[in-house]
Amino acid sequence: AAAEPADPVRVQDDVTIIDLRRAPAVFDDATYNRILTALFAGRVNVGE
């Protein structure tokens, strides 16, 4: 049985933790956006 993927983003002690251990070959769009949203402040173009 495939384990239900856990939310890779959490906040602890005022630090944003992005847990990429066991990250798959491809993220779904929602997870990818969730991680980048937690990484950046403001609007960012990944290509730039």
ModelCIF file with pLDDT and N, C-alpha, C, O atoms, coordinates in Angstrom:
data_MODEL
#
_entry.id   MODEL 
#
_entity.id                         1 
_entity.type                       polymer 
_entity.pdbx_number_of_molecules   1 
#
_entity_poly.entity_id                      1 
_entity_poly.type                           'polypeptide(L)' 
_entity_poly.nstd_linkage                   no 
_entity_poly.nstd_monomer                   no 
_entity_poly.pdbx_seq_one_letter_code       AAAEPADPVRVQDDVTIIDLRRAPAVFDDATYNRILTALFAGRVNVGE 
_entity_poly.pdbx_seq_one_letter_code_can   AAAEPADPVRVQDDVTIIDLRRAPAVFDDATYNRILTALFAGRVNVGE 
_entity_poly.pdbx_strand_id                 A 
#
loop_
_entity_poly_seq.entity_id 
_entity_poly_seq.num 
_entity_poly_seq.mon_id 
_entity_poly_seq.hetero 
1 1  ALA n 
1 2  ALA n 
1 3  ALA n 
1 4  GLU n 
1 5  PRO n 
1 6  ALA n 
1 7  ASP n 
1 8  PRO n 
1 9  VAL n 
1 10 ARG n 
1 11 VAL n 
1 12 GLN n 
1 13 ASP n 
1 14 ASP n 
1 15 VAL n 
1 16 THR n 
1 17 ILE n 
1 18 ILE n 
1 19 ASP n 
1 20 LEU n 
1 21 ARG n 
1 22 ARG n 
1 23 ALA n 
1 24 PRO n 
1 25 ALA n 
1 26 VAL n 
1 27 PHE n 
1 28 ASP n 
1 29 ASP n 
1 30 ALA n 
1 31 THR n 
1 32 TYR n 
1 33 ASN n 
1 34 ARG n 
1 35 ILE n 
1 36 LEU n 
1 37 THR n 
1 38 ALA n 
1 39 LEU n 
1 40 PHE n 
1 41 ALA n 
1 42 GLY n 
1 43 ARG n 
1 44 VAL n 
1 45 ASN n 
1 46 VAL n 
1 47 GLY n 
1 48 GLU n 
#
_struct_asym.id          A 
_struct_asym.entity_id   1 
#
loop_
_ma_qa_metric.id 
_ma_qa_metric.mode 
_ma_qa_metric.name 
_ma_qa_metric.software_group_id 
_ma_qa_metric.type 
1 global pLDDT . pLDDT 
2 local  pLDDT . pLDDT 
#
_ma_qa_metric_global.metric_id      1 
_ma_qa_metric_global.metric_value   90.77 
_ma_qa_metric_global.model_id       1 
_ma_qa_metric_global.ordinal_id     1 
#
loop_
_ma_qa_metric_local.label_asym_id 
_ma_qa_metric_local.label_comp_id 
_ma_qa_metric_local.label_seq_id 
_ma_qa_metric_local.metric_id 
_ma_qa_metric_local.metric_value 
_ma_qa_metric_local.model_id 
_ma_qa_metric_local.ordinal_id 
A ALA 1  2 51.00 1 1  
A ALA 2  2 54.00 1 2  
A ALA 3  2 57.00 1 3  
A GLU 4  2 59.00 1 4  
A PRO 5  2 68.00 1 5  
A ALA 6  2 82.00 1 6  
A ASP 7  2 91.00 1 7  
A PRO 8  2 96.00 1 8  
A VAL 9  2 97.00 1 9  
A ARG 10 2 96.00 1 10 
A VAL 11 2 96.00 1 11 
A GLN 12 2 94.00 1 12 
A ASP 13 2 94.00 1 13 
A ASP 14 2 95.00 1 14 
A VAL 15 2 97.00 1 15 
A THR 16 2 98.00 1 16 
A ILE 17 2 98.00 1 17 
A ILE 18 2 98.00 1 18 
A ASP 19 2 97.00 1 19 
A LEU 20 2 97.00 1 20 
A ARG 21 2 96.00 1 21 
A ARG 22 2 89.00 1 22 
A ALA 23 2 89.00 1 23 
A PRO 24 2 89.00 1 24 
A ALA 25 2 88.00 1 25 
A VAL 26 2 90.00 1 26 
A PHE 27 2 93.00 1 27 
A ASP 28 2 93.00 1 28 
A ASP 29 2 93.00 1 29 
A ALA 30 2 94.00 1 30 
A THR 31 2 95.00 1 31 
A TYR 32 2 95.00 1 32 
A ASN 33 2 96.00 1 33 
A ARG 34 2 96.00 1 34 
A ILE 35 2 97.00 1 35 
A LEU 36 2 97.00 1 36 
A THR 37 2 97.00 1 37 
A ALA 38 2 97.00 1 38 
A LEU 39 2 97.00 1 39 
A PHE 40 2 97.00 1 40 
A ALA 41 2 95.00 1 41 
A GLY 42 2 93.00 1 42 
A ARG 43 2 96.00 1 43 
A VAL 44 2 96.00 1 44 
A ASN 45 2 96.00 1 45 
A VAL 46 2 96.00 1 46 
A GLY 47 2 96.00 1 47 
A GLU 48 2 96.00 1 48 
#
loop_
_atom_site.group_PDB 
_atom_site.id 
_atom_site.type_symbol 
_atom_site.label_atom_id 
_atom_site.label_alt_id 
_atom_site.label_comp_id 
_atom_site.label_asym_id 
_atom_site.label_entity_id 
_atom_site.label_seq_id 
_atom_site.pdbx_PDB_ins_code 
_atom_site.Cartn_x 
_atom_site.Cartn_y 
_atom_site.Cartn_z 
_atom_site.occupancy 
_atom_site.B_iso_or_equiv 
_atom_site.pdbx_formal_charge 
_atom_site.auth_seq_id 
_atom_site.auth_comp_id 
_atom_site.auth_asym_id 
_atom_site.auth_atom_id 
_atom_site.pdbx_PDB_model_num 
ATOM 1   N N  . ALA A 1 1  ? 0.837  -1.194 0.000   1.00 51.00 ? 1  ALA A N  1 
ATOM 2   C CA . ALA A 1 1  ? 0.000  0.000  0.000   1.00 51.00 ? 1  ALA A CA 1 
ATOM 3   C C  . ALA A 1 1  ? 0.874  1.248  0.000   1.00 51.00 ? 1  ALA A C  1 
ATOM 4   O O  . ALA A 1 1  ? 1.795  1.374  0.807   1.00 51.00 ? 1  ALA A O  1 
ATOM 5   N N  . ALA A 1 2  ? 0.580  2.159  -0.904  1.00 54.00 ? 2  ALA A N  1 
ATOM 6   C CA . ALA A 1 2  ? 1.339  3.403  -0.970  1.00 54.00 ? 2  ALA A CA 1 
ATOM 7   C C  . ALA A 1 2  ? 0.944  4.306  0.192   1.00 54.00 ? 2  ALA A C  1 
ATOM 8   O O  . ALA A 1 2  ? -0.236 4.525  0.466   1.00 54.00 ? 2  ALA A O  1 
ATOM 9   N N  . ALA A 1 3  ? 1.969  4.823  0.864   1.00 57.00 ? 3  ALA A N  1 
ATOM 10  C CA . ALA A 1 3  ? 1.691  5.698  2.003   1.00 57.00 ? 3  ALA A CA 1 
ATOM 11  C C  . ALA A 1 3  ? 1.125  7.027  1.521   1.00 57.00 ? 3  ALA A C  1 
ATOM 12  O O  . ALA A 1 3  ? 1.524  7.545  0.478   1.00 57.00 ? 3  ALA A O  1 
ATOM 13  N N  . GLU A 1 4  ? 0.198  7.564  2.287   1.00 59.00 ? 4  GLU A N  1 
ATOM 14  C CA . GLU A 1 4  ? -0.376 8.861  1.956   1.00 59.00 ? 4  GLU A CA 1 
ATOM 15  C C  . GLU A 1 4  ? 0.717  9.919  2.077   1.00 59.00 ? 4  GLU A C  1 
ATOM 16  O O  . GLU A 1 4  ? 1.322  10.052 3.141   1.00 59.00 ? 4  GLU A O  1 
ATOM 17  N N  . PRO A 1 5  ? 0.982  10.677 1.009   1.00 68.00 ? 5  PRO A N  1 
ATOM 18  C CA . PRO A 1 5  ? 2.064  11.660 1.089   1.00 68.00 ? 5  PRO A CA 1 
ATOM 19  C C  . PRO A 1 5  ? 1.786  12.719 2.142   1.00 68.00 ? 5  PRO A C  1 
ATOM 20  O O  . PRO A 1 5  ? 0.701  13.296 2.199   1.00 68.00 ? 5  PRO A O  1 
ATOM 21  N N  . ALA A 1 6  ? 2.795  12.961 2.977   1.00 82.00 ? 6  ALA A N  1 
ATOM 22  C CA . ALA A 1 6  ? 2.655  13.965 4.028   1.00 82.00 ? 6  ALA A CA 1 
ATOM 23  C C  . ALA A 1 6  ? 2.942  15.345 3.453   1.00 82.00 ? 6  ALA A C  1 
ATOM 24  O O  . ALA A 1 6  ? 3.643  15.478 2.450   1.00 82.00 ? 6  ALA A O  1 
ATOM 25  N N  . ASP A 1 7  ? 2.399  16.358 4.092   1.00 91.00 ? 7  ASP A N  1 
ATOM 26  C CA . ASP A 1 7  ? 2.680  17.735 3.688   1.00 91.00 ? 7  ASP A CA 1 
ATOM 27  C C  . ASP A 1 7  ? 4.162  17.994 3.929   1.00 91.00 ? 7  ASP A C  1 
ATOM 28  O O  . ASP A 1 7  ? 4.620  17.886 5.067   1.00 91.00 ? 7  ASP A O  1 
ATOM 29  N N  . PRO A 1 8  ? 4.931  18.336 2.882   1.00 96.00 ? 8  PRO A N  1 
ATOM 30  C CA . PRO A 1 8  ? 6.376  18.532 3.073   1.00 96.00 ? 8  PRO A CA 1 
ATOM 31  C C  . PRO A 1 8  ? 6.733  19.823 3.787   1.00 96.00 ? 8  PRO A C  1 
ATOM 32  O O  . PRO A 1 8  ? 7.886  20.016 4.174   1.00 96.00 ? 8  PRO A O  1 
ATOM 33  N N  . VAL A 1 9  ? 5.754  20.720 3.970   1.00 97.00 ? 9  VAL A N  1 
ATOM 34  C CA . VAL A 1 9  ? 6.032  22.033 4.562   1.00 97.00 ? 9  VAL A CA 1 
ATOM 35  C C  . VAL A 1 9  ? 5.475  22.099 5.983   1.00 97.00 ? 9  VAL A C  1 
ATOM 36  O O  . VAL A 1 9  ? 4.326  21.736 6.233   1.00 97.00 ? 9  VAL A O  1 
ATOM 37  N N  . ARG A 1 10 ? 6.304  22.566 6.897   1.00 96.00 ? 10 ARG A N  1 
ATOM 38  C CA . ARG A 1 10 ? 5.855  22.813 8.263   1.00 96.00 ? 10 ARG A CA 1 
ATOM 39  C C  . ARG A 1 10 ? 6.695  23.948 8.853   1.00 96.00 ? 10 ARG A C  1 
ATOM 40  O O  . ARG A 1 10 ? 7.805  24.223 8.396   1.00 96.00 ? 10 ARG A O  1 
ATOM 41  N N  . VAL A 1 11 ? 6.151  24.585 9.856   1.00 96.00 ? 11 VAL A N  1 
ATOM 42  C CA . VAL A 1 11 ? 6.850  25.685 10.527  1.00 96.00 ? 11 VAL A CA 1 
ATOM 43  C C  . VAL A 1 11 ? 7.091  25.292 11.973  1.00 96.00 ? 11 VAL A C  1 
ATOM 44  O O  . VAL A 1 11 ? 6.172  24.870 12.676  1.00 96.00 ? 11 VAL A O  1 
ATOM 45  N N  . GLN A 1 12 ? 8.342  25.436 12.413  1.00 94.00 ? 12 GLN A N  1 
ATOM 46  C CA . GLN A 1 12 ? 8.692  25.116 13.789  1.00 94.00 ? 12 GLN A CA 1 
ATOM 47  C C  . GLN A 1 12 ? 9.778  26.073 14.265  1.00 94.00 ? 12 GLN A C  1 
ATOM 48  O O  . GLN A 1 12 ? 10.747 26.326 13.548  1.00 94.00 ? 12 GLN A O  1 
ATOM 49  N N  . ASP A 1 13 ? 9.620  26.597 15.456  1.00 94.00 ? 13 ASP A N  1 
ATOM 50  C CA . ASP A 1 13 ? 10.587 27.540 16.033  1.00 94.00 ? 13 ASP A CA 1 
ATOM 51  C C  . ASP A 1 13 ? 10.885 28.685 15.074  1.00 94.00 ? 13 ASP A C  1 
ATOM 52  O O  . ASP A 1 13 ? 12.027 29.126 14.946  1.00 94.00 ? 13 ASP A O  1 
ATOM 53  N N  . ASP A 1 14 ? 9.833  29.161 14.398  1.00 95.00 ? 14 ASP A N  1 
ATOM 54  C CA . ASP A 1 14 ? 9.942  30.273 13.444  1.00 95.00 ? 14 ASP A CA 1 
ATOM 55  C C  . ASP A 1 14 ? 10.889 29.966 12.287  1.00 95.00 ? 14 ASP A C  1 
ATOM 56  O O  . ASP A 1 14 ? 11.511 30.871 11.731  1.00 95.00 ? 14 ASP A O  1 
ATOM 57  N N  . VAL A 1 15 ? 10.997 28.684 11.925  1.00 97.00 ? 15 VAL A N  1 
ATOM 58  C CA . VAL A 1 15 ? 11.777 28.241 10.771  1.00 97.00 ? 15 VAL A CA 1 
ATOM 59  C C  . VAL A 1 15 ? 10.855 27.453 9.855   1.00 97.00 ? 15 VAL A C  1 
ATOM 60  O O  . VAL A 1 15 ? 10.110 26.587 10.315  1.00 97.00 ? 15 VAL A O  1 
ATOM 61  N N  . THR A 1 16 ? 10.901 27.748 8.558   1.00 98.00 ? 16 THR A N  1 
ATOM 62  C CA . THR A 1 16 ? 10.123 26.969 7.592   1.00 98.00 ? 16 THR A CA 1 
ATOM 63  C C  . THR A 1 16 ? 10.919 25.733 7.199   1.00 98.00 ? 16 THR A C  1 
ATOM 64  O O  . THR A 1 16 ? 12.002 25.833 6.624   1.00 98.00 ? 16 THR A O  1 
ATOM 65  N N  . ILE A 1 17 ? 10.368 24.574 7.517   1.00 98.00 ? 17 ILE A N  1 
ATOM 66  C CA . ILE A 1 17 ? 10.977 23.296 7.162   1.00 98.00 ? 17 ILE A CA 1 
ATOM 67  C C  . ILE A 1 17 ? 10.306 22.769 5.903   1.00 98.00 ? 17 ILE A C  1 
ATOM 68  O O  . ILE A 1 17 ? 9.082  22.640 5.852   1.00 98.00 ? 17 ILE A O  1 
ATOM 69  N N  . ILE A 1 18 ? 11.108 22.462 4.885   1.00 98.00 ? 18 ILE A N  1 
ATOM 70  C CA . ILE A 1 18 ? 10.596 21.798 3.682   1.00 98.00 ? 18 ILE A CA 1 
ATOM 71  C C  . ILE A 1 18 ? 11.274 20.437 3.618   1.00 98.00 ? 18 ILE A C  1 
ATOM 72  O O  . ILE A 1 18 ? 12.451 20.330 3.276   1.00 98.00 ? 18 ILE A O  1 
ATOM 73  N N  . ASP A 1 19 ? 10.516 19.403 3.952   1.00 97.00 ? 19 ASP A N  1 
ATOM 74  C CA . ASP A 1 19 ? 11.066 18.053 4.081   1.00 97.00 ? 19 ASP A CA 1 
ATOM 75  C C  . ASP A 1 19 ? 10.998 17.337 2.728   1.00 97.00 ? 19 ASP A C  1 
ATOM 76  O O  . ASP A 1 19 ? 9.928  16.918 2.286   1.00 97.00 ? 19 ASP A O  1 
ATOM 77  N N  . LEU A 1 20 ? 12.153 17.206 2.084   1.00 97.00 ? 20 LEU A N  1 
ATOM 78  C CA . LEU A 1 20 ? 12.227 16.592 0.764   1.00 97.00 ? 20 LEU A CA 1 
ATOM 79  C C  . LEU A 1 20 ? 12.698 15.146 0.819   1.00 97.00 ? 20 LEU A C  1 
ATOM 80  O O  . LEU A 1 20 ? 12.916 14.520 -0.218  1.00 97.00 ? 20 LEU A O  1 
ATOM 81  N N  . ARG A 1 21 ? 12.856 14.618 2.026   1.00 96.00 ? 21 ARG A N  1 
ATOM 82  C CA . ARG A 1 21 ? 13.183 13.205 2.152   1.00 96.00 ? 21 ARG A CA 1 
ATOM 83  C C  . ARG A 1 21 ? 11.986 12.385 1.657   1.00 96.00 ? 21 ARG A C  1 
ATOM 84  O O  . ARG A 1 21 ? 10.844 12.659 2.025   1.00 96.00 ? 21 ARG A O  1 
ATOM 85  N N  . ARG A 1 22 ? 12.251 11.408 0.844   1.00 89.00 ? 22 ARG A N  1 
ATOM 86  C CA . ARG A 1 22 ? 11.223 10.589 0.192   1.00 89.00 ? 22 ARG A CA 1 
ATOM 87  C C  . ARG A 1 22 ? 10.458 11.352 -0.892  1.00 89.00 ? 22 ARG A C  1 
ATOM 88  O O  . ARG A 1 22 ? 9.391  10.912 -1.320  1.00 89.00 ? 22 ARG A O  1 
ATOM 89  N N  . ALA A 1 23 ? 10.989 12.479 -1.333  1.00 89.00 ? 23 ALA A N  1 
ATOM 90  C CA . ALA A 1 23 ? 10.345 13.195 -2.441  1.00 89.00 ? 23 ALA A CA 1 
ATOM 91  C C  . ALA A 1 23 ? 10.358 12.320 -3.685  1.00 89.00 ? 23 ALA A C  1 
ATOM 92  O O  . ALA A 1 23 ? 11.361 11.659 -3.951  1.00 89.00 ? 23 ALA A O  1 
ATOM 93  N N  . PRO A 1 24 ? 9.278  12.296 -4.451  1.00 89.00 ? 24 PRO A N  1 
ATOM 94  C CA . PRO A 1 24 ? 9.172  11.406 -5.612  1.00 89.00 ? 24 PRO A CA 1 
ATOM 95  C C  . PRO A 1 24 ? 9.912  11.936 -6.833  1.00 89.00 ? 24 PRO A C  1 
ATOM 96  O O  . PRO A 1 24 ? 10.617 12.943 -6.763  1.00 89.00 ? 24 PRO A O  1 
ATOM 97  N N  . ALA A 1 25 ? 9.739  11.245 -7.946  1.00 88.00 ? 25 ALA A N  1 
ATOM 98  C CA . ALA A 1 25 ? 10.343 11.694 -9.199  1.00 88.00 ? 25 ALA A CA 1 
ATOM 99  C C  . ALA A 1 25 ? 9.650  12.952 -9.715  1.00 88.00 ? 25 ALA A C  1 
ATOM 100 O O  . ALA A 1 25 ? 10.287 13.809 -10.327 1.00 88.00 ? 25 ALA A O  1 
ATOM 101 N N  . VAL A 1 26 ? 8.345  13.061 -9.466  1.00 90.00 ? 26 VAL A N  1 
ATOM 102 C CA . VAL A 1 26 ? 7.563  14.204 -9.946  1.00 90.00 ? 26 VAL A CA 1 
ATOM 103 C C  . VAL A 1 26 ? 6.569  14.614 -8.865  1.00 90.00 ? 26 VAL A C  1 
ATOM 104 O O  . VAL A 1 26 ? 5.886  13.766 -8.291  1.00 90.00 ? 26 VAL A O  1 
ATOM 105 N N  . PHE A 1 27 ? 6.487  15.914 -8.588  1.00 93.00 ? 27 PHE A N  1 
ATOM 106 C CA . PHE A 1 27 ? 5.460  16.428 -7.689  1.00 93.00 ? 27 PHE A CA 1 
ATOM 107 C C  . PHE A 1 27 ? 4.198  16.743 -8.488  1.00 93.00 ? 27 PHE A C  1 
ATOM 108 O O  . PHE A 1 27 ? 4.276  17.126 -9.655  1.00 93.00 ? 27 PHE A O  1 
ATOM 109 N N  . ASP A 1 28 ? 3.037  16.580 -7.857  1.00 93.00 ? 28 ASP A N  1 
ATOM 110 C CA . ASP A 1 28 ? 1.825  17.095 -8.487  1.00 93.00 ? 28 ASP A CA 1 
ATOM 111 C C  . ASP A 1 28 ? 1.855  18.617 -8.391  1.00 93.00 ? 28 ASP A C  1 
ATOM 112 O O  . ASP A 1 28 ? 2.610  19.184 -7.602  1.00 93.00 ? 28 ASP A O  1 
ATOM 113 N N  . ASP A 1 29 ? 1.024  19.272 -9.203  1.00 93.00 ? 29 ASP A N  1 
ATOM 114 C CA . ASP A 1 29 ? 1.055  20.737 -9.286  1.00 93.00 ? 29 ASP A CA 1 
ATOM 115 C C  . ASP A 1 29 ? 0.805  21.391 -7.928  1.00 93.00 ? 29 ASP A C  1 
ATOM 116 O O  . ASP A 1 29 ? 1.436  22.394 -7.591  1.00 93.00 ? 29 ASP A O  1 
ATOM 117 N N  . ALA A 1 30 ? -0.110 20.825 -7.156  1.00 94.00 ? 30 ALA A N  1 
ATOM 118 C CA . ALA A 1 30 ? -0.457 21.425 -5.866  1.00 94.00 ? 30 ALA A CA 1 
ATOM 119 C C  . ALA A 1 30 ? 0.729  21.386 -4.906  1.00 94.00 ? 30 ALA A C  1 
ATOM 120 O O  . ALA A 1 30 ? 0.993  22.363 -4.205  1.00 94.00 ? 30 ALA A O  1 
ATOM 121 N N  . THR A 1 31 ? 1.445  20.259 -4.871  1.00 95.00 ? 31 THR A N  1 
ATOM 122 C CA . THR A 1 31 ? 2.593  20.133 -3.968  1.00 95.00 ? 31 THR A CA 1 
ATOM 123 C C  . THR A 1 31 ? 3.730  21.039 -4.412  1.00 95.00 ? 31 THR A C  1 
ATOM 124 O O  . THR A 1 31 ? 4.374  21.689 -3.588  1.00 95.00 ? 31 THR A O  1 
ATOM 125 N N  . TYR A 1 32 ? 3.974  21.080 -5.713  1.00 95.00 ? 32 TYR A N  1 
ATOM 126 C CA . TYR A 1 32 ? 5.032  21.947 -6.252  1.00 95.00 ? 32 TYR A CA 1 
ATOM 127 C C  . TYR A 1 32 ? 4.764  23.406 -5.879  1.00 95.00 ? 32 TYR A C  1 
ATOM 128 O O  . TYR A 1 32 ? 5.664  24.115 -5.428  1.00 95.00 ? 32 TYR A O  1 
ATOM 129 N N  . ASN A 1 33 ? 3.537  23.841 -6.070  1.00 96.00 ? 33 ASN A N  1 
ATOM 130 C CA . ASN A 1 33 ? 3.175  25.220 -5.743  1.00 96.00 ? 33 ASN A CA 1 
ATOM 131 C C  . ASN A 1 33 ? 3.247  25.469 -4.240  1.00 96.00 ? 33 ASN A C  1 
ATOM 132 O O  . ASN A 1 33 ? 3.676  26.539 -3.808  1.00 96.00 ? 33 ASN A O  1 
ATOM 133 N N  . ARG A 1 34 ? 2.832  24.489 -3.444  1.00 96.00 ? 34 ARG A N  1 
ATOM 134 C CA . ARG A 1 34 ? 2.880  24.610 -1.989  1.00 96.00 ? 34 ARG A CA 1 
ATOM 135 C C  . ARG A 1 34 ? 4.315  24.838 -1.509  1.00 96.00 ? 34 ARG A C  1 
ATOM 136 O O  . ARG A 1 34 ? 4.556  25.674 -0.638  1.00 96.00 ? 34 ARG A O  1 
ATOM 137 N N  . ILE A 1 35 ? 5.265  24.094 -2.076  1.00 97.00 ? 35 ILE A N  1 
ATOM 138 C CA . ILE A 1 35 ? 6.664  24.220 -1.665  1.00 97.00 ? 35 ILE A CA 1 
ATOM 139 C C  . ILE A 1 35 ? 7.230  25.570 -2.079  1.00 97.00 ? 35 ILE A C  1 
ATOM 140 O O  . ILE A 1 35 ? 7.878  26.241 -1.276  1.00 97.00 ? 35 ILE A O  1 
ATOM 141 N N  . LEU A 1 36 ? 6.992  25.976 -3.324  1.00 97.00 ? 36 LEU A N  1 
ATOM 142 C CA . LEU A 1 36 ? 7.539  27.247 -3.793  1.00 97.00 ? 36 LEU A CA 1 
ATOM 143 C C  . LEU A 1 36 ? 6.909  28.427 -3.064  1.00 97.00 ? 36 LEU A C  1 
ATOM 144 O O  . LEU A 1 36 ? 7.572  29.435 -2.818  1.00 97.00 ? 36 LEU A O  1 
ATOM 145 N N  . THR A 1 37 ? 5.644  28.305 -2.722  1.00 97.00 ? 37 THR A N  1 
ATOM 146 C CA . THR A 1 37 ? 4.972  29.355 -1.954  1.00 97.00 ? 37 THR A CA 1 
ATOM 147 C C  . THR A 1 37 ? 5.626  29.529 -0.584  1.00 97.00 ? 37 THR A C  1 
ATOM 148 O O  . THR A 1 37 ? 5.778  30.647 -0.092  1.00 97.00 ? 37 THR A O  1 
ATOM 149 N N  . ALA A 1 38 ? 6.009  28.405 0.024   1.00 97.00 ? 38 ALA A N  1 
ATOM 150 C CA . ALA A 1 38 ? 6.656  28.461 1.338   1.00 97.00 ? 38 ALA A CA 1 
ATOM 151 C C  . ALA A 1 38 ? 8.103  28.936 1.246   1.00 97.00 ? 38 ALA A C  1 
ATOM 152 O O  . ALA A 1 38 ? 8.654  29.450 2.220   1.00 97.00 ? 38 ALA A O  1 
ATOM 153 N N  . LEU A 1 39 ? 8.717  28.764 0.082   1.00 97.00 ? 39 LEU A N  1 
ATOM 154 C CA . LEU A 1 39 ? 10.121 29.129 -0.097  1.00 97.00 ? 39 LEU A CA 1 
ATOM 155 C C  . LEU A 1 39 ? 10.302 30.634 -0.305  1.00 97.00 ? 39 LEU A C  1 
ATOM 156 O O  . LEU A 1 39 ? 11.211 31.243 0.261   1.00 97.00 ? 39 LEU A O  1 
ATOM 157 N N  . PHE A 1 40 ? 9.427  31.225 -1.122  1.00 97.00 ? 40 PHE A N  1 
ATOM 158 C CA . PHE A 1 40 ? 9.620  32.611 -1.547  1.00 97.00 ? 40 PHE A CA 1 
ATOM 159 C C  . PHE A 1 40 ? 8.716  33.602 -0.806  1.00 97.00 ? 40 PHE A C  1 
ATOM 160 O O  . PHE A 1 40 ? 7.669  33.251 -0.262  1.00 97.00 ? 40 PHE A O  1 
ATOM 161 N N  . ALA A 1 41 ? 9.173  34.850 -0.816  1.00 95.00 ? 41 ALA A N  1 
ATOM 162 C CA . ALA A 1 41 ? 8.348  35.980 -0.366  1.00 95.00 ? 41 ALA A CA 1 
ATOM 163 C C  . ALA A 1 41 ? 8.065  36.836 -1.595  1.00 95.00 ? 41 ALA A C  1 
ATOM 164 O O  . ALA A 1 41 ? 8.999  37.272 -2.268  1.00 95.00 ? 41 ALA A O  1 
ATOM 165 N N  . GLY A 1 42 ? 6.816  37.079 -1.894  1.00 93.00 ? 42 GLY A N  1 
ATOM 166 C CA . GLY A 1 42 ? 6.488  37.864 -3.073  1.00 93.00 ? 42 GLY A CA 1 
ATOM 167 C C  . GLY A 1 42 ? 6.412  37.030 -4.335  1.00 93.00 ? 42 GLY A C  1 
ATOM 168 O O  . GLY A 1 42 ? 6.594  35.813 -4.306  1.00 93.00 ? 42 GLY A O  1 
ATOM 169 N N  . ARG A 1 43 ? 6.138  37.705 -5.448  1.00 96.00 ? 43 ARG A N  1 
ATOM 170 C CA . ARG A 1 43 ? 5.947  37.022 -6.716  1.00 96.00 ? 43 ARG A CA 1 
ATOM 171 C C  . ARG A 1 43 ? 7.300  36.729 -7.371  1.00 96.00 ? 43 ARG A C  1 
ATOM 172 O O  . ARG A 1 43 ? 8.153  37.609 -7.483  1.00 96.00 ? 43 ARG A O  1 
ATOM 173 N N  . VAL A 1 44 ? 7.478  35.477 -7.801  1.00 96.00 ? 44 VAL A N  1 
ATOM 174 C CA . VAL A 1 44 ? 8.752  35.039 -8.372  1.00 96.00 ? 44 VAL A CA 1 
ATOM 175 C C  . VAL A 1 44 ? 8.481  34.203 -9.617  1.00 96.00 ? 44 VAL A C  1 
ATOM 176 O O  . VAL A 1 44 ? 7.571  33.375 -9.644  1.00 96.00 ? 44 VAL A O  1 
ATOM 177 N N  . ASN A 1 45 ? 9.293  34.439 -10.653 1.00 96.00 ? 45 ASN A N  1 
ATOM 178 C CA . ASN A 1 45 ? 9.257  33.611 -11.853 1.00 96.00 ? 45 ASN A CA 1 
ATOM 179 C C  . ASN A 1 45 ? 10.426 32.631 -11.783 1.00 96.00 ? 45 ASN A C  1 
ATOM 180 O O  . ASN A 1 45 ? 11.586 33.042 -11.750 1.00 96.00 ? 45 ASN A O  1 
ATOM 181 N N  . VAL A 1 46 ? 10.117 31.342 -11.760 1.00 96.00 ? 46 VAL A N  1 
ATOM 182 C CA . VAL A 1 46 ? 11.154 30.323 -11.606 1.00 96.00 ? 46 VAL A CA 1 
ATOM 183 C C  . VAL A 1 46 ? 12.152 30.371 -12.762 1.00 96.00 ? 46 VAL A C  1 
ATOM 184 O O  . VAL A 1 46 ? 13.349 30.164 -12.566 1.00 96.00 ? 46 VAL A O  1 
ATOM 185 N N  . GLY A 1 47 ? 11.652 30.645 -13.965 1.00 96.00 ? 47 GLY A N  1 
ATOM 186 C CA . GLY A 1 47 ? 12.544 30.735 -15.113 1.00 96.00 ? 47 GLY A CA 1 
ATOM 187 C C  . GLY A 1 47 ? 13.571 31.838 -14.968 1.00 96.00 ? 47 GLY A C  1 
ATOM 188 O O  . GLY A 1 47 ? 14.718 31.682 -15.389 1.00 96.00 ? 47 GLY A O  1 
ATOM 189 N N  . GLU A 1 48 ? 13.166 32.958 -14.373 1.00 96.00 ? 48 GLU A N  1 
ATOM 190 C CA . GLU A 1 48 ? 14.107 34.054 -14.156 1.00 96.00 ? 48 GLU A CA 1 
ATOM 191 C C  . GLU A 1 48 ? 15.126 33.706 -13.077 1.00 96.00 ? 48 GLU A C  1 
ATOM 192 O O  . GLU A 1 48 ? 15.997 34.518 -12.766 1.00 96.00 ? 48 GLU A O  1 
#
